[in-house]
Amino acid sequence: MPKVPSPSTSSPAATPDTGTLPASYEAGLQELEQLVAELESGQLPLDQLLGSYQRGAVLLAFCRDKLQAVEDQIKVLDAGSLKVWTAE
């Protein structure tokens, strides 16, 4: 008798990869905007909704971190401090 995959097993295409970060802020923002549009459309199958939501949360955190780093750099520049910036 052939093996049937269990319902809890999802294909890689069904669930977005939540671990891979985008190469840039712009790429992350573009992917996040695309995910939001897909979620708002109501066209995603139920099994993809949770994965897309989780990926969106990862992308949101990534974009917020990038924006915070730039804001911190601007604060250093505005203070007139000429120290070398190191990314954290």
C-alpha atoms as a PDB file:
ATOM      1  CA  MET A   1       0.000   0.000   0.000  1.00  0.00           C
ATOM      2  CA  PRO A   2       1.533   3.405  -0.957  1.00  0.00           C
ATOM      3  CA  LYS A   3       2.408   5.851   1.770  1.00  0.00           C
ATOM      4  CA  VAL A   4       0.211   8.931   1.986  1.00  0.00           C
ATOM      5  CA  PRO A   5       1.797  12.083   3.432  1.00  0.00           C
ATOM      6  CA  SER A   6       0.295  13.130   6.710  1.00  0.00           C
ATOM      7  CA  PRO A   7      -1.795  16.311   6.754  1.00  0.00           C
ATOM      8  CA  SER A   8       0.701  17.990   9.083  1.00  0.00           C
ATOM      9  CA  THR A   9       3.449  17.631   6.491  1.00  0.00           C
ATOM     10  CA  SER A  10       3.551  20.658   4.222  1.00  0.00           C
ATOM     11  CA  SER A  11       5.479  21.140   1.048  1.00  0.00           C
ATOM     12  CA  PRO A  12       8.228  23.777   0.946  1.00  0.00           C
ATOM     13  CA  ALA A  13       6.153  25.868  -1.470  1.00  0.00           C
ATOM     14  CA  ALA A  14       3.188  25.867   0.904  1.00  0.00           C
ATOM     15  CA  THR A  15       5.047  27.554   3.761  1.00  0.00           C
ATOM     16  CA  PRO A  16       7.311  30.570   3.254  1.00  0.00           C
ATOM     17  CA  ASP A  17      10.826  30.266   4.662  1.00  0.00           C
ATOM     18  CA  THR A  18      10.840  32.318   7.877  1.00  0.00           C
ATOM     19  CA  GLY A  19      14.569  31.924   8.502  1.00  0.00           C
ATOM     20  CA  THR A  20      16.107  33.526   5.409  1.00  0.00           C
ATOM     21  CA  LEU A  21      16.548  37.279   5.697  1.00  0.00           C
ATOM     22  CA  PRO A  22      16.410  39.587   2.682  1.00  0.00           C
ATOM     23  CA  ALA A  23      19.580  41.105   1.249  1.00  0.00           C
ATOM     24  CA  SER A  24      18.447  44.668   1.929  1.00  0.00           C
ATOM     25  CA  TYR A  25      15.800  46.797   3.600  1.00  0.00           C
ATOM     26  CA  GLU A  26      14.224  47.510   0.223  1.00  0.00           C
ATOM     27  CA  ALA A  27      13.994  43.808  -0.649  1.00  0.00           C
ATOM     28  CA  GLY A  28      12.471  43.061   2.754  1.00  0.00           C
ATOM     29  CA  LEU A  29       9.940  45.860   2.416  1.00  0.00           C
ATOM     30  CA  GLN A  30       8.957  44.731  -1.075  1.00  0.00           C
ATOM     31  CA  GLU A  31       8.441  41.140   0.082  1.00  0.00           C
ATOM     32  CA  LEU A  32       6.487  42.341   3.117  1.00  0.00           C
ATOM     33  CA  GLU A  33       4.206  44.483   0.952  1.00  0.00           C
ATOM     34  CA  GLN A  34       3.607  41.519  -1.353  1.00  0.00           C
ATOM     35  CA  LEU A  35       2.757  39.257   1.600  1.00  0.00           C
ATOM     36  CA  VAL A  36       0.347  41.826   3.027  1.00  0.00           C
ATOM     37  CA  ALA A  37      -1.415  42.112  -0.329  1.00  0.00           C
ATOM     38  CA  GLU A  38      -1.742  38.313  -0.540  1.00  0.00           C
ATOM     39  CA  LEU A  39      -3.055  38.092   3.024  1.00  0.00           C
ATOM     40  CA  GLU A  40      -5.555  40.911   2.468  1.00  0.00           C
ATOM     41  CA  SER A  41      -6.791  39.379  -0.791  1.00  0.00           C
ATOM     42  CA  GLY A  42      -8.206  36.403   1.059  1.00  0.00           C
ATOM     43  CA  GLN A  43      -7.037  34.102  -1.740  1.00  0.00           C
ATOM     44  CA  LEU A  44      -4.439  32.108   0.222  1.00  0.00           C
ATOM     45  CA  PRO A  45      -5.368  28.589   1.256  1.00  0.00           C
ATOM     46  CA  LEU A  46      -5.794  28.137   4.985  1.00  0.00           C
ATOM     47  CA  ASP A  47      -2.615  26.070   5.341  1.00  0.00           C
ATOM     48  CA  GLN A  48      -0.539  28.938   3.881  1.00  0.00           C
ATOM     49  CA  LEU A  49      -2.033  31.708   6.015  1.00  0.00           C
ATOM     50  CA  LEU A  50      -0.070  30.921   9.172  1.00  0.00           C
ATOM     51  CA  GLY A  51       3.238  30.523   7.327  1.00  0.00           C
ATOM     52  CA  SER A  52       2.710  33.792   5.477  1.00  0.00           C
ATOM     53  CA  TYR A  53       1.835  35.564   8.702  1.00  0.00           C
ATOM     54  CA  GLN A  54       4.980  34.206  10.380  1.00  0.00           C
ATOM     55  CA  ARG A  55       7.138  35.274   7.422  1.00  0.00           C
ATOM     56  CA  GLY A  56       5.551  38.715   7.609  1.00  0.00           C
ATOM     57  CA  ALA A  57       6.453  38.985  11.291  1.00  0.00           C
ATOM     58  CA  VAL A  58      10.089  38.071  10.488  1.00  0.00           C
ATOM     59  CA  LEU A  59      10.219  40.644   7.683  1.00  0.00           C
ATOM     60  CA  LEU A  60       8.637  43.321   9.875  1.00  0.00           C
ATOM     61  CA  ALA A  61      11.230  42.776  12.593  1.00  0.00           C
ATOM     62  CA  PHE A  62      14.036  42.842   9.994  1.00  0.00           C
ATOM     63  CA  CYS A  63      12.813  46.139   8.519  1.00  0.00           C
ATOM     64  CA  ARG A  64      12.340  47.713  11.956  1.00  0.00           C
ATOM     65  CA  ASP A  65      15.879  46.705  12.954  1.00  0.00           C
ATOM     66  CA  LYS A  66      17.323  48.222   9.766  1.00  0.00           C
ATOM     67  CA  LEU A  67      15.405  51.461  10.312  1.00  0.00           C
ATOM     68  CA  GLN A  68      16.514  51.614  13.937  1.00  0.00           C
ATOM     69  CA  ALA A  69      20.163  51.176  12.919  1.00  0.00           C
ATOM     70  CA  VAL A  70      19.891  54.061  10.451  1.00  0.00           C
ATOM     71  CA  GLU A  71      18.138  56.216  13.057  1.00  0.00           C
ATOM     72  CA  ASP A  72      20.951  55.484  15.512  1.00  0.00           C
ATOM     73  CA  GLN A  73      23.535  56.489  12.897  1.00  0.00           C
ATOM     74  CA  ILE A  74      21.706  59.758  12.247  1.00  0.00           C
ATOM     75  CA  LYS A  75      21.628  60.512  15.991  1.00  0.00           C
ATOM     76  CA  VAL A  76      25.409  60.039  16.121  1.00  0.00           C
ATOM     77  CA  LEU A  77      25.884  62.346  13.128  1.00  0.00           C
ATOM     78  CA  ASP A  78      23.492  64.966  14.520  1.00  0.00           C
ATOM     79  CA  ALA A  79      25.423  65.017  17.777  1.00  0.00           C
ATOM     80  CA  GLY A  80      28.542  66.010  15.844  1.00  0.00           C
ATOM     81  CA  SER A  81      30.389  62.937  17.017  1.00  0.00           C
ATOM     82  CA  LEU A  82      33.028  61.705  14.573  1.00  0.00           C
ATOM     83  CA  LYS A  83      33.364  58.160  15.781  1.00  0.00           C
ATOM     84  CA  VAL A  84      33.503  55.096  13.539  1.00  0.00           C
ATOM     85  CA  TRP A  85      30.136  53.378  13.271  1.00  0.00           C
ATOM     86  CA  THR A  86      30.049  49.655  13.898  1.00  0.00           C
ATOM     87  CA  ALA A  87      26.969  47.625  13.073  1.00  0.00           C
ATOM     88  CA  GLU A  88      25.570  45.676  15.981  1.00  0.00           C
END
